[in-house]
Amino acid sequence: MTTTDQLPAARRRIADIGTADTLATQIHRGDDEVAALPADQVGPDVWRSVADRARAGGYVYQTADIGFTDLHRRLVELLAQVRDGGDMIVLVDTYTQIRAAQDALVQARFGRGQVEMPAGRPGPRSVDPLRFVAIAGRLANLDAVWPEWFAYVRDRDGSATPPWDHPAGNPLEIKPTVRSLRWLATDPAVKPWVPTIDQAKQAFGEQYAEAEARRMAEDELRRDGKVRTPQERAAAIATATEKHKRVIFF
C-alpha cells in the first residue's frame, strides 16, 4: 500500500475514533438521539470502538439497538454490492468488520454474564452471548437453511455440515470468505441480518421451537411404523411439526 493509498484509511480511523467517543458519551448519557453516521466517512468498526469504551467505562451497554440497526443497514448495502460485482477483497474485509462489531456490541451489552431468555420459550434459559449470536444473530432463518444445527448443538454431532464455509470445529459460524458472501447475497432462501437483542431473542426461541417440533414429529413417525415414500414422509413430518409447534411454541 502506497502513502497515497494509506491516507483515506488513516482519515477513516481518525473519524472512527472521534465518532466512537461522541457515540459512547451520548449513549452513556442516555440521549434519545445520537450522532448520524455517514457511511462513506465512518466504517462499521466504529461500533467495536464504542463497545470497547463501554466496557472500559465500567457500565453495561443498554442501548445497542442503534448500533445493530446501523450494522444491519451496512450489511444490506454490502450484499447489494456483492450482487453488483463489487471488489470482493474489500467486501469480505467489511463483512468481517460488521460481524466483529456486532459481537463486540453483544458482549458489551451482557458483560461477562449470560443472555437470559424469557420464561416459557423453547430452548435454554440462558446462553453464552457468542453462542446466542451464532444461532440467532447471523441468519434470521437458521433452521430453514440448515436444520441439522439442532443435532450439532444438542448432540455435538460432528457429521452435521452447514452450507457455508466455517472455521474448523465451529460449524455455526459463517466464515467471511468470497464463497460465503456470494451465498449470503444470492441465495433467495437465506436471510442474513444484524438483529437487535429483542429480535435475536425472538428468533432464538423460534429456531428452538421449530427444531424441537421437528424432532417430536420424526419420533412420532418412527413410532407409528408406517411405510411412506420420501414425499409422503416429508409431508407427514411437515404436518406433525406444525401440530407440535402449536403445543410448544410460545
C-alpha atoms as a PDB file:
ATOM      1  CA  MET A   1       0.000   0.000   0.000  1.00  0.00           C
ATOM      2  CA  THR A   2       1.425   3.381  -1.009  1.00  0.00           C
ATOM      3  CA  THR A   3       1.415   6.520   1.118  1.00  0.00           C
ATOM      4  CA  THR A   4      -1.351   7.898  -1.101  1.00  0.00           C
ATOM      5  CA  ASP A   5      -3.432   4.761  -0.527  1.00  0.00           C
ATOM      6  CA  GLN A   6      -2.863   4.972   3.224  1.00  0.00           C
ATOM      7  CA  LEU A   7      -4.271   8.493   3.589  1.00  0.00           C
ATOM      8  CA  PRO A   8      -8.009   7.621   3.194  1.00  0.00           C
ATOM      9  CA  ALA A   9      -7.614   4.719   5.626  1.00  0.00           C
ATOM     10  CA  ALA A  10      -5.875   6.959   8.151  1.00  0.00           C
ATOM     11  CA  ARG A  11      -8.584   9.600   7.828  1.00  0.00           C
ATOM     12  CA  ARG A  12     -11.247   6.957   8.373  1.00  0.00           C
ATOM     13  CA  ARG A  13      -9.502   5.687  11.516  1.00  0.00           C
ATOM     14  CA  ILE A  14      -9.398   9.240  12.890  1.00  0.00           C
ATOM     15  CA  ALA A  15     -13.080   9.723  12.026  1.00  0.00           C
ATOM     16  CA  ASP A  16     -13.948   6.408  13.682  1.00  0.00           C
ATOM     17  CA  ILE A  17     -12.142   7.395  16.889  1.00  0.00           C
ATOM     18  CA  GLY A  18     -13.883  10.756  17.069  1.00  0.00           C
ATOM     19  CA  THR A  19     -17.282   9.304  16.263  1.00  0.00           C
ATOM     20  CA  ALA A  20     -16.857   6.466  18.762  1.00  0.00           C
ATOM     21  CA  ASP A  21     -16.036   8.965  21.513  1.00  0.00           C
ATOM     22  CA  THR A  22     -19.128  11.017  20.650  1.00  0.00           C
ATOM     23  CA  LEU A  23     -21.423   7.992  20.418  1.00  0.00           C
ATOM     24  CA  ALA A  24     -20.185   6.460  23.674  1.00  0.00           C
ATOM     25  CA  THR A  25     -20.715   9.745  25.512  1.00  0.00           C
ATOM     26  CA  GLN A  26     -24.220  10.232  24.122  1.00  0.00           C
ATOM     27  CA  ILE A  27     -25.294   6.648  24.770  1.00  0.00           C
ATOM     28  CA  HIS A  28     -23.886   6.616  28.310  1.00  0.00           C
ATOM     29  CA  ARG A  29     -25.696   9.900  28.958  1.00  0.00           C
ATOM     30  CA  GLY A  30     -28.954   8.364  27.753  1.00  0.00           C
ATOM     31  CA  ASP A  31     -29.570  10.754  24.870  1.00  0.00           C
ATOM     32  CA  ASP A  32     -32.622   9.906  22.798  1.00  0.00           C
ATOM     33  CA  GLU A  33     -30.752  10.711  19.604  1.00  0.00           C
ATOM     34  CA  VAL A  34     -27.135  10.021  18.788  1.00  0.00           C
ATOM     35  CA  ALA A  35     -24.855  11.264  16.057  1.00  0.00           C
ATOM     36  CA  ALA A  36     -25.691  10.420  12.457  1.00  0.00           C
ATOM     37  CA  LEU A  37     -23.181   8.058  10.878  1.00  0.00           C
ATOM     38  CA  PRO A  38     -22.085   8.967   7.346  1.00  0.00           C
ATOM     39  CA  ALA A  39     -21.235   5.538   5.953  1.00  0.00           C
ATOM     40  CA  ASP A  40     -18.806   6.976   3.426  1.00  0.00           C
ATOM     41  CA  GLN A  41     -16.749   8.519   6.238  1.00  0.00           C
ATOM     42  CA  VAL A  42     -17.164   6.148   9.175  1.00  0.00           C
ATOM     43  CA  GLY A  43     -16.579   2.400   8.953  1.00  0.00           C
ATOM     44  CA  PRO A  44     -18.577  -0.343  10.721  1.00  0.00           C
ATOM     45  CA  ASP A  45     -15.639  -0.890  13.061  1.00  0.00           C
ATOM     46  CA  VAL A  46     -16.685   2.302  14.867  1.00  0.00           C
ATOM     47  CA  TRP A  47     -19.208   0.202  16.808  1.00  0.00           C
ATOM     48  CA  ARG A  48     -16.483  -2.078  18.124  1.00  0.00           C
ATOM     49  CA  SER A  49     -14.741   1.049  19.400  1.00  0.00           C
ATOM     50  CA  VAL A  50     -17.979   2.168  21.071  1.00  0.00           C
ATOM     51  CA  ALA A  51     -18.268  -1.235  22.733  1.00  0.00           C
ATOM     52  CA  ASP A  52     -14.647  -1.017  23.946  1.00  0.00           C
ATOM     53  CA  ARG A  53     -15.386   2.358  25.535  1.00  0.00           C
ATOM     54  CA  ALA A  54     -18.498   0.993  27.236  1.00  0.00           C
ATOM     55  CA  ARG A  55     -16.511  -1.830  28.825  1.00  0.00           C
ATOM     56  CA  ALA A  56     -13.645   0.455  29.796  1.00  0.00           C
ATOM     57  CA  GLY A  57     -16.101   2.858  31.413  1.00  0.00           C
ATOM     58  CA  GLY A  58     -17.485   0.103  33.615  1.00  0.00           C
ATOM     59  CA  TYR A  59     -21.101   0.425  32.505  1.00  0.00           C
ATOM     60  CA  VAL A  60     -23.245  -2.195  30.827  1.00  0.00           C
ATOM     61  CA  TYR A  61     -24.227  -1.142  27.356  1.00  0.00           C
ATOM     62  CA  GLN A  62     -28.015  -0.941  27.405  1.00  0.00           C
ATOM     63  CA  THR A  63     -28.865   0.961  24.238  1.00  0.00           C
ATOM     64  CA  ALA A  64     -27.209  -1.014  21.471  1.00  0.00           C
ATOM     65  CA  ASP A  65     -30.185  -1.004  19.120  1.00  0.00           C
ATOM     66  CA  ILE A  66     -28.888   1.937  17.102  1.00  0.00           C
ATOM     67  CA  GLY A  67     -25.610   0.080  16.612  1.00  0.00           C
ATOM     68  CA  PHE A  68     -27.292  -3.111  15.444  1.00  0.00           C
ATOM     69  CA  THR A  69     -29.627  -1.143  13.175  1.00  0.00           C
ATOM     70  CA  ASP A  70     -26.719   0.709  11.585  1.00  0.00           C
ATOM     71  CA  LEU A  71     -24.756  -2.517  11.103  1.00  0.00           C
ATOM     72  CA  HIS A  72     -27.763  -4.224   9.532  1.00  0.00           C
ATOM     73  CA  ARG A  73     -28.123  -1.342   7.067  1.00  0.00           C
ATOM     74  CA  ARG A  74     -24.451  -1.698   6.187  1.00  0.00           C
ATOM     75  CA  LEU A  75     -24.859  -5.452   5.729  1.00  0.00           C
ATOM     76  CA  VAL A  76     -27.767  -4.966   3.321  1.00  0.00           C
ATOM     77  CA  GLU A  77     -25.738  -2.441   1.324  1.00  0.00           C
ATOM     78  CA  LEU A  78     -22.695  -4.729   1.300  1.00  0.00           C
ATOM     79  CA  LEU A  79     -24.653  -7.706  -0.051  1.00  0.00           C
ATOM     80  CA  ALA A  80     -26.099  -5.485  -2.784  1.00  0.00           C
ATOM     81  CA  GLN A  81     -22.537  -4.590  -3.756  1.00  0.00           C
ATOM     82  CA  VAL A  82     -21.666  -8.294  -3.885  1.00  0.00           C
ATOM     83  CA  ARG A  83     -24.533  -8.856  -6.321  1.00  0.00           C
ATOM     84  CA  ASP A  84     -23.380  -5.869  -8.372  1.00  0.00           C
ATOM     85  CA  GLY A  85     -19.870  -7.309  -8.780  1.00  0.00           C
ATOM     86  CA  GLY A  86     -18.030  -5.162  -6.232  1.00  0.00           C
ATOM     87  CA  ASP A  87     -14.450  -5.665  -5.064  1.00  0.00           C
ATOM     88  CA  MET A  88     -14.723  -8.910  -3.123  1.00  0.00           C
ATOM     89  CA  ILE A  89     -11.500  -8.410  -1.168  1.00  0.00           C
ATOM     90  CA  VAL A  90     -12.813  -5.120   0.200  1.00  0.00           C
ATOM     91  CA  LEU A  91     -16.293  -6.547   0.781  1.00  0.00           C
ATOM     92  CA  VAL A  92     -15.001  -9.592   2.707  1.00  0.00           C
ATOM     93  CA  ASP A  93     -12.988  -7.247   4.934  1.00  0.00           C
ATOM     94  CA  THR A  94     -16.028  -5.022   5.521  1.00  0.00           C
ATOM     95  CA  TYR A  95     -18.209  -8.040   6.306  1.00  0.00           C
ATOM     96  CA  THR A  96     -15.597  -9.177   8.852  1.00  0.00           C
ATOM     97  CA  GLN A  97     -15.727  -5.728  10.470  1.00  0.00           C
ATOM     98  CA  ILE A  98     -19.532  -5.784  10.617  1.00  0.00           C
ATOM     99  CA  ARG A  99     -19.632  -9.140  12.391  1.00  0.00           C
ATOM    100  CA  ALA A 100     -16.776  -8.241  14.763  1.00  0.00           C
ATOM    101  CA  ALA A 101     -18.604  -5.035  15.694  1.00  0.00           C
ATOM    102  CA  GLN A 102     -21.839  -6.981  16.218  1.00  0.00           C
ATOM    103  CA  ASP A 103     -20.075  -9.430  18.547  1.00  0.00           C
ATOM    104  CA  ALA A 104     -18.455  -6.582  20.466  1.00  0.00           C
ATOM    105  CA  LEU A 105     -21.802  -4.841  20.980  1.00  0.00           C
ATOM    106  CA  VAL A 106     -23.417  -8.051  22.235  1.00  0.00           C
ATOM    107  CA  GLN A 107     -20.570  -8.730  24.656  1.00  0.00           C
ATOM    108  CA  ALA A 108     -20.606  -5.130  25.886  1.00  0.00           C
ATOM    109  CA  ARG A 109     -24.350  -5.386  26.450  1.00  0.00           C
ATOM    110  CA  PHE A 110     -24.092  -8.542  28.581  1.00  0.00           C
ATOM    111  CA  GLY A 111     -20.621  -8.162  30.064  1.00  0.00           C
ATOM    112  CA  ARG A 112     -19.345 -11.490  31.364  1.00  0.00           C
ATOM    113  CA  GLY A 113     -22.824 -12.811  32.020  1.00  0.00           C
ATOM    114  CA  GLN A 114     -25.251 -14.927  30.055  1.00  0.00           C
ATOM    115  CA  VAL A 115     -28.105 -13.891  27.792  1.00  0.00           C
ATOM    116  CA  GLU A 116     -31.232 -14.597  29.819  1.00  0.00           C
ATOM    117  CA  MET A 117     -34.123 -15.864  27.708  1.00  0.00           C
ATOM    118  CA  PRO A 118     -37.773 -15.047  28.520  1.00  0.00           C
ATOM    119  CA  ALA A 119     -39.589 -17.684  30.568  1.00  0.00           C
ATOM    120  CA  GLY A 120     -41.914 -20.006  28.688  1.00  0.00           C
ATOM    121  CA  ARG A 121     -39.918 -20.037  25.458  1.00  0.00           C
ATOM    122  CA  PRO A 122     -38.276 -23.129  23.976  1.00  0.00           C
ATOM    123  CA  GLY A 123     -34.561 -23.684  24.420  1.00  0.00           C
ATOM    124  CA  PRO A 124     -32.159 -22.985  27.289  1.00  0.00           C
ATOM    125  CA  ARG A 125     -32.995 -20.404  29.903  1.00  0.00           C
ATOM    126  CA  SER A 126     -29.595 -18.741  29.471  1.00  0.00           C
ATOM    127  CA  VAL A 127     -26.909 -18.912  26.821  1.00  0.00           C
ATOM    128  CA  ASP A 128     -23.388 -17.642  26.191  1.00  0.00           C
ATOM    129  CA  PRO A 129     -23.547 -14.349  24.243  1.00  0.00           C
ATOM    130  CA  LEU A 130     -21.497 -15.560  21.289  1.00  0.00           C
ATOM    131  CA  ARG A 131     -23.446 -18.826  21.033  1.00  0.00           C
ATOM    132  CA  PHE A 132     -26.590 -16.692  21.151  1.00  0.00           C
ATOM    133  CA  VAL A 133     -25.297 -14.627  18.210  1.00  0.00           C
ATOM    134  CA  ALA A 134     -24.260 -17.715  16.232  1.00  0.00           C
ATOM    135  CA  ILE A 135     -27.756 -19.238  16.493  1.00  0.00           C
ATOM    136  CA  ALA A 136     -29.914 -16.128  16.129  1.00  0.00           C
ATOM    137  CA  GLY A 137     -27.677 -13.256  15.061  1.00  0.00           C
ATOM    138  CA  ARG A 138     -26.281 -14.232  11.670  1.00  0.00           C
ATOM    139  CA  LEU A 139     -29.321 -15.624   9.853  1.00  0.00           C
ATOM    140  CA  ALA A 140     -32.944 -14.826  10.616  1.00  0.00           C
ATOM    141  CA  ASN A 141     -33.918 -18.320   9.433  1.00  0.00           C
ATOM    142  CA  LEU A 142     -31.096 -20.633  10.518  1.00  0.00           C
ATOM    143  CA  ASP A 143     -33.401 -23.625  10.975  1.00  0.00           C
ATOM    144  CA  ALA A 144     -34.840 -23.324   7.462  1.00  0.00           C
ATOM    145  CA  VAL A 145     -31.385 -23.066   5.884  1.00  0.00           C
ATOM    146  CA  TRP A 146     -29.592 -25.707   7.998  1.00  0.00           C
ATOM    147  CA  PRO A 147     -31.970 -27.898  10.046  1.00  0.00           C
ATOM    148  CA  GLU A 148     -29.050 -30.030  11.268  1.00  0.00           C
ATOM    149  CA  TRP A 149     -27.853 -27.194  13.519  1.00  0.00           C
ATOM    150  CA  PHE A 150     -30.005 -28.608  16.307  1.00  0.00           C
ATOM    151  CA  ALA A 151     -28.281 -32.005  16.177  1.00  0.00           C
ATOM    152  CA  TYR A 152     -24.927 -30.252  16.357  1.00  0.00           C
ATOM    153  CA  VAL A 153     -25.884 -28.135  19.373  1.00  0.00           C
ATOM    154  CA  ARG A 154     -27.786 -30.866  21.222  1.00  0.00           C
ATOM    155  CA  ASP A 155     -25.656 -33.915  20.418  1.00  0.00           C
ATOM    156  CA  ARG A 156     -22.371 -32.346  19.262  1.00  0.00           C
ATOM    157  CA  ASP A 157     -22.966 -34.210  16.005  1.00  0.00           C
ATOM    158  CA  GLY A 158     -19.753 -33.603  14.072  1.00  0.00           C
ATOM    159  CA  SER A 159     -21.240 -35.028  10.870  1.00  0.00           C
ATOM    160  CA  ALA A 160     -23.635 -32.058  10.572  1.00  0.00           C
ATOM    161  CA  THR A 161     -22.179 -29.862   7.824  1.00  0.00           C
ATOM    162  CA  PRO A 162     -23.645 -26.437   7.016  1.00  0.00           C
ATOM    163  CA  PRO A 163     -23.951 -24.999   3.500  1.00  0.00           C
ATOM    164  CA  TRP A 164     -21.386 -22.255   4.215  1.00  0.00           C
ATOM    165  CA  ASP A 165     -17.652 -22.001   4.868  1.00  0.00           C
ATOM    166  CA  HIS A 166     -16.928 -22.229   8.597  1.00  0.00           C
ATOM    167  CA  PRO A 167     -13.935 -22.329  10.949  1.00  0.00           C
ATOM    168  CA  ALA A 168     -12.731 -25.793  11.947  1.00  0.00           C
ATOM    169  CA  GLY A 169     -14.775 -27.126  14.847  1.00  0.00           C
ATOM    170  CA  ASN A 170     -17.363 -24.332  14.718  1.00  0.00           C
ATOM    171  CA  PRO A 171     -19.978 -25.029  12.027  1.00  0.00           C
ATOM    172  CA  LEU A 172     -22.390 -22.452  13.461  1.00  0.00           C
ATOM    173  CA  GLU A 173     -20.098 -19.602  12.461  1.00  0.00           C
ATOM    174  CA  ILE A 174     -20.157 -18.311   8.877  1.00  0.00           C
ATOM    175  CA  LYS A 175     -16.540 -17.782   7.871  1.00  0.00           C
ATOM    176  CA  PRO A 176     -16.015 -14.498   5.995  1.00  0.00           C
ATOM    177  CA  THR A 177     -14.948 -15.755   2.571  1.00  0.00           C
ATOM    178  CA  VAL A 178     -15.809 -14.842  -1.011  1.00  0.00           C
ATOM    179  CA  ARG A 179     -17.869 -18.044  -1.293  1.00  0.00           C
ATOM    180  CA  SER A 180     -19.815 -17.276   1.902  1.00  0.00           C
ATOM    181  CA  LEU A 181     -20.592 -13.710   0.840  1.00  0.00           C
ATOM    182  CA  ARG A 182     -21.802 -14.784  -2.588  1.00  0.00           C
ATOM    183  CA  TRP A 183     -24.014 -17.399  -0.953  1.00  0.00           C
ATOM    184  CA  LEU A 184     -25.438 -14.866   1.513  1.00  0.00           C
ATOM    185  CA  ALA A 185     -26.049 -12.350  -1.266  1.00  0.00           C
ATOM    186  CA  THR A 186     -27.550 -14.577  -3.942  1.00  0.00           C
ATOM    187  CA  ASP A 187     -29.414 -17.486  -2.318  1.00  0.00           C
ATOM    188  CA  PRO A 188     -33.059 -16.339  -2.047  1.00  0.00           C
ATOM    189  CA  ALA A 189     -33.706 -18.807   0.787  1.00  0.00           C
ATOM    190  CA  VAL A 190     -31.128 -17.144   3.046  1.00  0.00           C
ATOM    191  CA  LYS A 191     -31.988 -14.183   5.304  1.00  0.00           C
ATOM    192  CA  PRO A 192     -28.789 -12.617   6.671  1.00  0.00           C
ATOM    193  CA  TRP A 193     -29.244  -9.906   9.265  1.00  0.00           C
ATOM    194  CA  VAL A 194     -27.878  -7.993  12.245  1.00  0.00           C
ATOM    195  CA  PRO A 195     -30.799  -8.075  14.687  1.00  0.00           C
ATOM    196  CA  THR A 196     -31.403  -6.074  17.817  1.00  0.00           C
ATOM    197  CA  ILE A 197     -31.246  -8.050  21.054  1.00  0.00           C
ATOM    198  CA  ASP A 198     -35.038  -8.373  21.229  1.00  0.00           C
ATOM    199  CA  GLN A 199     -35.215  -9.522  17.601  1.00  0.00           C
ATOM    200  CA  ALA A 200     -32.477 -12.081  18.236  1.00  0.00           C
ATOM    201  CA  LYS A 201     -34.237 -13.406  21.358  1.00  0.00           C
ATOM    202  CA  GLN A 202     -37.414 -13.850  19.322  1.00  0.00           C
ATOM    203  CA  ALA A 203     -35.517 -15.667  16.564  1.00  0.00           C
ATOM    204  CA  PHE A 204     -33.651 -17.802  19.112  1.00  0.00           C
ATOM    205  CA  GLY A 205     -36.924 -19.091  20.521  1.00  0.00           C
ATOM    206  CA  GLU A 206     -38.343 -19.672  17.041  1.00  0.00           C
ATOM    207  CA  GLN A 207     -35.298 -21.694  15.966  1.00  0.00           C
ATOM    208  CA  TYR A 208     -35.560 -23.928  19.028  1.00  0.00           C
ATOM    209  CA  ALA A 209     -39.333 -24.304  18.681  1.00  0.00           C
ATOM    210  CA  GLU A 210     -39.040 -25.346  15.045  1.00  0.00           C
ATOM    211  CA  ALA A 211     -36.217 -27.793  15.726  1.00  0.00           C
ATOM    212  CA  GLU A 212     -37.874 -29.345  18.788  1.00  0.00           C
ATOM    213  CA  ALA A 213     -41.212 -29.702  16.997  1.00  0.00           C
ATOM    214  CA  ARG A 214     -39.497 -31.374  14.054  1.00  0.00           C
ATOM    215  CA  ARG A 215     -37.683 -33.792  16.412  1.00  0.00           C
ATOM    216  CA  MET A 216     -41.003 -34.715  18.027  1.00  0.00           C
ATOM    217  CA  ALA A 217     -42.570 -35.202  14.588  1.00  0.00           C
ATOM    218  CA  GLU A 218     -39.777 -37.519  13.479  1.00  0.00           C
ATOM    219  CA  ASP A 219     -40.116 -39.543  16.699  1.00  0.00           C
ATOM    220  CA  GLU A 220     -43.868 -39.798  16.102  1.00  0.00           C
ATOM    221  CA  LEU A 221     -43.367 -41.153  12.591  1.00  0.00           C
ATOM    222  CA  ARG A 222     -40.821 -43.692  13.792  1.00  0.00           C
ATOM    223  CA  ARG A 223     -43.274 -44.983  16.381  1.00  0.00           C
ATOM    224  CA  ASP A 224     -46.218 -45.386  14.006  1.00  0.00           C
ATOM    225  CA  GLY A 225     -44.179 -47.716  11.773  1.00  0.00           C
ATOM    226  CA  LYS A 226     -45.962 -46.844   8.534  1.00  0.00           C
ATOM    227  CA  VAL A 227     -44.127 -47.262   5.243  1.00  0.00           C
ATOM    228  CA  ARG A 228     -44.023 -43.986   3.308  1.00  0.00           C
ATOM    229  CA  THR A 229     -42.414 -42.716   0.158  1.00  0.00           C
ATOM    230  CA  PRO A 230     -39.878 -39.881   0.666  1.00  0.00           C
ATOM    231  CA  GLN A 231     -42.502 -37.380  -0.468  1.00  0.00           C
ATOM    232  CA  GLU A 232     -45.119 -38.811   1.905  1.00  0.00           C
ATOM    233  CA  ARG A 233     -42.630 -38.817   4.752  1.00  0.00           C
ATOM    234  CA  ALA A 234     -41.671 -35.176   4.147  1.00  0.00           C
ATOM    235  CA  ALA A 235     -45.333 -34.149   4.043  1.00  0.00           C
ATOM    236  CA  ALA A 236     -46.133 -36.129   7.209  1.00  0.00           C
ATOM    237  CA  ILE A 237     -43.194 -34.575   9.078  1.00  0.00           C
ATOM    238  CA  ALA A 238     -44.249 -31.089   7.996  1.00  0.00           C
ATOM    239  CA  THR A 239     -47.824 -31.673   9.194  1.00  0.00           C
ATOM    240  CA  ALA A 240     -46.735 -33.200  12.512  1.00  0.00           C
ATOM    241  CA  THR A 241     -44.168 -30.436  13.043  1.00  0.00           C
ATOM    242  CA  GLU A 242     -46.829 -27.757  12.737  1.00  0.00           C
ATOM    243  CA  LYS A 243     -49.023 -29.690  15.194  1.00  0.00           C
ATOM    244  CA  HIS A 244     -46.263 -29.881  17.792  1.00  0.00           C
ATOM    245  CA  LYS A 245     -45.303 -26.221  17.295  1.00  0.00           C
ATOM    246  CA  ARG A 246     -48.815 -25.182  18.313  1.00  0.00           C
ATOM    247  CA  VAL A 247     -48.266 -27.002  21.601  1.00  0.00           C
ATOM    248  CA  ILE A 248     -44.704 -25.928  22.480  1.00  0.00           C
ATOM    249  CA  PHE A 249     -44.288 -22.610  20.705  1.00  0.00           C
ATOM    250  CA  PHE A 250     -44.736 -19.514  22.783  1.00  0.00           C
END
